[in-house]
Amino acid sequence: APTLAGLEGGETRWHVMVEGSNDQPELEDTFRIGYALGQAAVGASSWDADWPDSSEGPRAGAQPPSCFDGSTCTGTRTSLREPFLLPRAGPRFVIAAARETAMGSEVFALVARNEAVSPSMGVSFDDDDVVLAPEADPACLSLRDPALAPRGASPGDGLWLFYTCERVGPDAIHAVPLETVDGIRVPEGATPASVIAPSTIGAFGRDGVSGPEPIVDVVDAGENAVVRLWFLARSNVAGTSVGLAVGEAPIGAGWDALPVLQAYPANPVLEASAFAGCEGCTLVGFGVAQDPDPTRRGRLRFLVARRVPRDGGGRRFELVPFEQPWVLNR
């Protein structure tokens, strides 16, 4: 579940945050596996190479994050999963994640807080950092994959929180506004809304949509914004792919409501088969970010997580970077 963000501040630096575990994910069918979050950073010119500036242990979460045998570690180890980094002035980030409500519950709430940039500094989420609990969205059993986008032209206008609504049927993507003037919280009276349902995007996502990744482009002298929302789409027939939905909204005084997002006509925009020489590969997550360099604003950077089968059995997980121009057509 990678998240990717570029920060300007003299030299542009790129940051990635991922979830990880010391136990194999395949054990989840039998045991409870715990996860924590790690972070790394690198200079702009080598973002697709090795990332040496990284947290030695979890940036957030327990160390070790998992203890399925019940004897190698003790104490509460609630999982942290699906991180998201939103660059802010400072330079700082708003760091969001899905946090297990109780150890072993597999029910997640969404947390967010303002944090420093350095991967060497730990982050500790507590109950005060919960911005949305499952009971706040009755349509959902659990909340996953938080993603943030600005809700106006200035920082005081707040944020939009997009997330995966895990439910009895296929998963959907919901959103709710957030205030950021004094902490990060849902405004009084605000209610979550459905943004993308599987039934609205076609057969490639018939078995669920998840993992929202928003980018907001301000146009028309700051009066309007185009919202692009990438997401994972699952089909038990075609596999997992990446889709895109697009909408437009006034942003000058802060949005009072989300725009209606329409499925991109060329969906899906990315399938596992697009990677040459990776037979049997499966997409499991991705991050996308706009280049903060003003001279490169038309370019997007993607970091795709995939499961790669090994010859003779087994598998490994990889993060694959690529860059692509994406012209904004209204």
Protein backbone atom coordinates (compact mmCIF):
# COMPACT_ATOMS: atom_id res chain seq x y z
CA ALA A 1 0.00 0.00 0.00
CA PRO A 2 2.54 2.65 -1.07
CA THR A 3 1.94 6.40 -0.89
CA LEU A 4 4.16 8.80 -2.81
CA ALA A 5 4.69 12.55 -2.25
CA GLY A 6 7.14 15.17 -3.46
CA LEU A 7 8.13 18.11 -1.26
CA GLU A 8 9.81 21.32 -2.39
CA GLY A 9 12.18 23.07 -0.02
CA GLY A 10 15.38 24.04 -1.78
CA GLU A 11 15.90 20.66 -3.46
CA THR A 12 12.80 18.62 -4.19
CA ARG A 13 12.74 15.38 -2.21
CA TRP A 14 10.43 12.44 -2.72
CA HIS A 15 8.97 10.43 0.12
CA VAL A 16 7.38 7.01 0.10
CA MET A 17 5.55 5.33 2.97
CA VAL A 18 4.50 1.67 2.94
CA GLU A 19 2.93 -0.91 5.22
CA GLY A 20 4.98 -3.92 6.23
CA SER A 21 5.03 -6.97 8.48
CA ASN A 22 7.56 -9.42 9.85
CA ASP A 23 5.16 -12.31 9.11
CA GLN A 24 4.03 -13.60 5.73
CA PRO A 25 0.71 -12.16 4.48
CA GLU A 26 -0.41 -15.64 3.39
CA LEU A 27 -0.70 -16.61 7.06
CA GLU A 28 -3.71 -14.29 7.40
CA ASP A 29 -5.98 -17.17 6.38
CA THR A 30 -5.06 -18.88 9.66
CA PHE A 31 -3.52 -16.29 12.01
CA ARG A 32 -3.86 -12.61 12.77
CA ILE A 33 -0.94 -10.75 11.11
CA GLY A 34 0.03 -7.27 12.30
CA TYR A 35 1.35 -4.39 10.20
CA ALA A 36 3.33 -1.18 10.79
CA LEU A 37 4.40 1.72 8.55
CA GLY A 38 7.86 2.56 7.21
CA GLN A 39 9.08 5.62 5.31
CA ALA A 40 11.96 6.53 3.00
CA ALA A 41 13.12 9.64 1.16
CA VAL A 42 15.43 10.40 -1.76
CA GLY A 43 16.50 13.35 -3.94
CA ALA A 44 14.43 14.22 -6.98
CA SER A 45 16.99 13.03 -9.52
CA SER A 46 17.13 9.45 -8.17
CA TRP A 47 13.50 8.81 -7.22
CA ASP A 48 13.42 5.62 -9.33
CA ALA A 49 16.63 4.19 -7.81
CA ASP A 50 17.45 2.91 -4.31
CA TRP A 51 16.04 4.95 -1.40
CA PRO A 52 18.85 4.97 1.24
CA ASP A 53 17.33 7.58 3.59
CA SER A 54 14.80 5.38 5.35
CA SER A 55 13.45 4.58 8.77
CA GLU A 56 15.41 1.73 10.37
CA GLY A 57 12.31 0.50 12.18
CA PRO A 58 8.64 1.35 11.86
CA ARG A 59 7.95 5.05 11.31
CA ALA A 60 4.62 4.35 12.99
CA GLY A 61 3.41 1.21 14.77
CA ALA A 62 4.81 -1.56 16.93
CA GLN A 63 8.22 -3.23 16.55
CA PRO A 64 7.82 -6.02 15.63
CA PRO A 65 4.34 -5.38 14.21
CA SER A 66 3.26 -9.01 14.20
CA CYS A 67 3.46 -11.84 16.72
CA PHE A 68 1.17 -14.62 15.51
CA ASP A 69 2.70 -17.34 17.69
CA GLY A 70 1.91 -15.43 20.90
CA SER A 71 5.32 -16.05 22.47
CA THR A 72 8.00 -13.99 20.68
CA CYS A 73 6.44 -10.68 21.73
CA THR A 74 3.80 -9.42 24.11
CA GLY A 75 1.54 -6.41 24.55
CA THR A 76 -0.98 -4.64 22.35
CA ARG A 77 -0.06 -4.45 18.68
CA THR A 78 -2.86 -2.82 16.75
CA SER A 79 -2.15 -2.77 13.04
CA LEU A 80 -1.46 0.40 11.06
CA ARG A 81 -2.12 0.01 7.34
CA GLU A 82 -2.55 1.92 4.06
CA PRO A 83 -0.64 5.15 4.82
CA PHE A 84 -1.16 8.40 2.93
CA LEU A 85 1.14 11.45 2.76
CA LEU A 86 -0.23 14.90 1.90
CA PRO A 87 2.48 17.60 1.56
CA ARG A 88 1.85 20.78 3.55
CA ALA A 89 3.76 23.99 4.21
CA GLY A 90 6.61 23.76 6.67
CA PRO A 91 7.67 21.54 5.03
CA ARG A 92 5.49 18.95 6.76
CA PHE A 93 3.00 16.24 5.95
CA VAL A 94 -0.46 15.29 7.00
CA ILE A 95 0.02 11.55 7.61
CA ALA A 96 -3.13 9.44 7.45
CA ALA A 97 -3.55 5.70 7.94
CA ALA A 98 -6.03 2.96 8.77
CA ARG A 99 -5.71 1.97 12.45
CA GLU A 100 -7.11 -1.25 13.89
CA THR A 101 -9.72 -0.44 16.54
CA ALA A 102 -8.57 -3.33 18.75
CA MET A 103 -5.83 -5.92 18.35
CA GLY A 104 -7.11 -8.76 16.20
CA SER A 105 -10.45 -7.10 15.43
CA GLU A 106 -9.68 -6.52 11.71
CA VAL A 107 -11.96 -3.47 12.06
CA PHE A 108 -10.25 -0.18 11.16
CA ALA A 109 -10.82 3.51 11.85
CA LEU A 110 -9.03 6.32 10.04
CA VAL A 111 -6.40 8.47 11.76
CA ALA A 112 -4.55 11.62 10.65
CA ARG A 113 -2.12 14.11 12.14
CA ASN A 114 0.41 16.77 11.09
CA GLU A 115 3.95 15.46 11.27
CA ALA A 116 7.55 16.36 10.44
CA VAL A 117 9.19 15.10 7.27
CA SER A 118 12.15 13.07 8.55
CA PRO A 119 11.81 9.26 8.23
CA SER A 120 13.96 8.93 11.38
CA MET A 121 11.28 10.51 13.59
CA GLY A 122 8.61 8.21 14.99
CA VAL A 123 4.88 8.84 14.75
CA SER A 124 2.47 7.70 17.46
CA PHE A 125 -1.23 7.68 16.66
CA ASP A 126 -3.61 7.75 19.61
CA ASP A 127 -7.37 7.96 20.10
CA ASP A 128 -7.32 11.75 19.65
CA ASP A 129 -6.03 11.24 16.09
CA VAL A 130 -9.10 9.26 14.97
CA VAL A 131 -10.86 11.41 12.37
CA LEU A 132 -13.45 8.84 11.28
CA ALA A 133 -14.64 5.68 13.04
CA PRO A 134 -16.70 2.91 11.40
CA GLU A 135 -19.82 3.86 13.37
CA ALA A 136 -19.72 7.32 11.73
CA ASP A 137 -20.50 5.71 8.37
CA PRO A 138 -23.27 3.14 8.98
CA ALA A 139 -22.92 1.74 5.45
CA CYS A 140 -19.45 0.37 6.31
CA LEU A 141 -18.20 -2.46 8.49
CA SER A 142 -14.66 -1.08 8.45
CA LEU A 143 -12.81 1.90 6.92
CA ARG A 144 -9.60 1.49 4.90
CA ASP A 145 -7.26 3.30 2.47
CA PRO A 146 -7.51 6.96 3.62
CA ALA A 147 -6.52 9.61 1.06
CA LEU A 148 -6.57 13.39 1.42
CA ALA A 149 -7.11 16.30 -0.97
CA PRO A 150 -7.43 20.07 -0.40
CA ARG A 151 -10.99 21.37 0.01
CA GLY A 152 -10.18 24.90 -1.06
CA ALA A 153 -7.51 27.26 -2.34
CA SER A 154 -6.03 28.00 1.12
CA PRO A 155 -4.95 25.65 3.96
CA GLY A 156 -7.76 26.92 6.21
CA ASP A 157 -10.39 25.63 3.80
CA GLY A 158 -9.85 22.09 5.09
CA LEU A 159 -9.51 18.73 3.38
CA TRP A 160 -11.52 16.00 1.74
CA LEU A 161 -11.02 12.52 3.18
CA PHE A 162 -11.56 9.72 0.66
CA TYR A 163 -11.57 6.11 1.87
CA THR A 164 -12.60 2.54 1.14
CA CYS A 165 -15.90 1.48 2.68
CA GLU A 166 -15.65 -2.24 3.51
CA ARG A 167 -19.16 -3.65 3.54
CA VAL A 168 -21.15 -6.85 3.10
CA GLY A 169 -21.24 -6.44 -0.69
CA PRO A 170 -18.42 -5.21 -2.98
CA ASP A 171 -16.35 -2.41 -1.45
CA ALA A 172 -17.06 1.20 -2.47
CA ILE A 173 -15.28 4.56 -2.13
CA HIS A 174 -16.75 7.20 0.19
CA ALA A 175 -15.67 10.71 1.23
CA VAL A 176 -16.25 13.23 4.02
CA PRO A 177 -14.98 16.80 4.61
CA LEU A 178 -12.42 17.61 7.30
CA GLU A 179 -11.68 20.83 9.21
CA THR A 180 -8.02 21.67 9.84
CA VAL A 181 -8.08 24.99 11.72
CA ASP A 182 -7.78 23.48 15.22
CA GLY A 183 -6.76 19.88 14.76
CA ILE A 184 -8.15 17.58 12.07
CA ARG A 185 -11.80 16.57 12.45
CA VAL A 186 -15.09 16.07 10.63
CA PRO A 187 -17.20 19.28 10.86
CA GLU A 188 -20.33 19.08 12.99
CA GLY A 189 -23.26 17.91 10.89
CA ALA A 190 -21.16 16.59 7.99
CA THR A 191 -22.03 13.09 6.78
CA PRO A 192 -20.08 10.66 4.57
CA ALA A 193 -21.13 10.36 0.93
CA SER A 194 -20.67 7.64 -1.67
CA VAL A 195 -18.21 8.73 -4.38
CA ILE A 196 -17.66 5.62 -6.50
CA ALA A 197 -19.76 2.46 -6.39
CA PRO A 198 -18.84 -0.67 -8.38
CA SER A 199 -22.14 -0.47 -10.27
CA THR A 200 -21.18 2.91 -11.75
CA ILE A 201 -17.88 2.06 -13.43
CA GLY A 202 -18.45 -1.12 -15.45
CA ALA A 203 -17.39 -4.74 -15.44
CA PHE A 204 -13.71 -4.13 -14.69
CA GLY A 205 -14.66 -3.11 -11.12
CA ARG A 206 -17.72 -5.26 -10.57
CA ASP A 207 -16.26 -6.96 -7.49
CA GLY A 208 -15.24 -3.82 -5.64
CA VAL A 209 -13.36 -0.52 -5.80
CA SER A 210 -10.81 0.63 -3.23
CA GLY A 211 -7.58 2.55 -2.64
CA PRO A 212 -8.55 6.10 -3.73
CA GLU A 213 -5.70 8.37 -4.88
CA PRO A 214 -6.87 11.97 -5.54
CA ILE A 215 -5.15 14.81 -7.39
CA VAL A 216 -6.73 18.27 -7.55
CA ASP A 217 -5.78 20.67 -10.36
CA VAL A 218 -6.77 24.30 -9.82
CA VAL A 219 -7.77 26.05 -13.06
CA ASP A 220 -9.52 29.27 -14.16
CA ALA A 221 -7.43 31.62 -11.98
CA GLY A 222 -8.15 29.58 -8.87
CA GLU A 223 -11.93 29.57 -9.22
CA ASN A 224 -12.44 25.96 -10.30
CA ALA A 225 -10.72 22.65 -9.78
CA VAL A 226 -10.60 19.39 -11.69
CA VAL A 227 -10.60 16.38 -9.40
CA ARG A 228 -8.97 13.19 -10.66
CA LEU A 229 -9.50 10.14 -8.49
CA TRP A 230 -7.53 7.00 -9.28
CA PHE A 231 -8.60 3.74 -7.63
CA LEU A 232 -8.11 -0.02 -7.62
CA ALA A 233 -10.85 -1.99 -9.35
CA ARG A 234 -11.37 -5.71 -8.77
CA SER A 235 -12.93 -8.28 -11.04
CA ASN A 236 -12.85 -11.98 -10.24
CA VAL A 237 -12.72 -12.53 -14.00
CA ALA A 238 -10.26 -9.90 -15.24
CA GLY A 239 -8.20 -9.41 -12.07
CA THR A 240 -7.18 -6.16 -10.38
CA SER A 241 -6.57 -2.98 -12.37
CA VAL A 242 -6.35 0.79 -11.90
CA GLY A 243 -9.24 3.03 -12.91
CA LEU A 244 -9.83 6.77 -13.01
CA ALA A 245 -12.84 9.03 -12.35
CA VAL A 246 -12.94 12.78 -13.08
CA GLY A 247 -15.09 15.70 -11.91
CA GLU A 248 -15.02 19.50 -11.60
CA ALA A 249 -15.95 21.79 -8.71
CA PRO A 250 -15.62 25.45 -7.65
CA ILE A 251 -12.70 25.80 -5.27
CA GLY A 252 -12.29 29.56 -4.77
CA ALA A 253 -14.07 29.74 -1.40
CA GLY A 254 -13.75 26.07 -0.48
CA TRP A 255 -15.98 23.30 -1.76
CA ASP A 256 -19.26 22.75 -0.01
CA ALA A 257 -19.85 19.49 -1.86
CA LEU A 258 -17.88 17.00 -3.90
CA PRO A 259 -18.31 17.09 -7.66
CA VAL A 260 -19.98 14.20 -9.41
CA LEU A 261 -17.15 11.96 -10.59
CA GLN A 262 -17.55 10.30 -13.98
CA ALA A 263 -15.66 7.16 -14.99
CA TYR A 264 -12.86 7.84 -17.46
CA PRO A 265 -13.87 6.52 -20.92
CA ALA A 266 -10.59 4.61 -21.42
CA ASN A 267 -10.82 2.64 -18.16
CA PRO A 268 -9.04 0.65 -16.94
CA VAL A 269 -5.98 2.86 -17.30
CA LEU A 270 -3.49 0.25 -16.01
CA GLU A 271 -3.54 -3.54 -15.84
CA ALA A 272 -0.90 -5.98 -14.61
CA SER A 273 -0.43 -7.18 -18.22
CA ALA A 274 1.01 -3.73 -19.08
CA PHE A 275 4.28 -4.74 -17.42
CA ALA A 276 6.29 -6.69 -19.98
CA GLY A 277 7.94 -9.89 -18.80
CA CYS A 278 5.85 -10.27 -15.64
CA GLU A 279 3.62 -13.23 -16.38
CA GLY A 280 1.17 -13.89 -13.57
CA CYS A 281 1.86 -10.60 -11.78
CA THR A 282 -0.96 -9.07 -9.73
CA LEU A 283 -1.50 -5.42 -8.84
CA VAL A 284 -1.94 -4.99 -5.08
CA GLY A 285 -1.65 -1.22 -4.57
CA PHE A 286 -0.31 2.03 -5.96
CA GLY A 287 0.43 5.67 -5.22
CA VAL A 288 0.34 8.66 -7.56
CA ALA A 289 1.62 12.20 -7.03
CA GLN A 290 2.01 15.38 -9.01
CA ASP A 291 5.55 16.70 -9.40
CA PRO A 292 5.90 19.76 -7.11
CA ASP A 293 8.40 21.38 -9.50
CA PRO A 294 6.38 24.15 -11.27
CA THR A 295 8.23 23.43 -14.52
CA ARG A 296 7.04 19.80 -14.44
CA ARG A 297 3.43 20.18 -13.30
CA GLY A 298 2.16 18.23 -16.29
CA ARG A 299 3.94 15.06 -15.16
CA LEU A 300 2.67 12.48 -12.70
CA ARG A 301 4.73 9.93 -10.82
CA PHE A 302 3.32 6.51 -10.04
CA LEU A 303 4.56 3.83 -7.65
CA VAL A 304 2.85 0.50 -8.29
CA ALA A 305 2.96 -2.42 -5.86
CA ARG A 306 2.71 -5.84 -7.47
CA ARG A 307 2.91 -9.47 -6.41
CA VAL A 308 5.40 -11.37 -8.57
CA PRO A 309 5.36 -15.20 -8.74
CA ARG A 310 8.75 -16.93 -8.39
CA ASP A 311 9.89 -19.77 -10.59
CA GLY A 312 9.33 -23.03 -8.73
CA GLY A 313 6.80 -21.51 -6.32
CA GLY A 314 6.48 -18.67 -3.88
CA ARG A 315 6.26 -14.95 -4.61
CA ARG A 316 7.85 -11.59 -3.88
CA PHE A 317 6.46 -8.04 -3.67
CA GLU A 318 7.88 -5.16 -5.72
CA LEU A 319 7.40 -1.39 -5.98
CA VAL A 320 7.67 -0.28 -9.62
CA PRO A 321 8.15 3.46 -10.37
CA PHE A 322 7.21 5.19 -13.59
CA GLU A 323 6.50 8.71 -14.78
CA GLN A 324 3.93 9.85 -17.30
CA PRO A 325 2.68 13.17 -18.70
CA TRP A 326 -1.06 13.57 -18.15
CA VAL A 327 -2.55 16.50 -20.02
CA LEU A 328 -5.48 18.10 -18.21
CA ASN A 329 -8.51 18.08 -20.52
CA ARG A 330 -11.68 19.64 -19.15
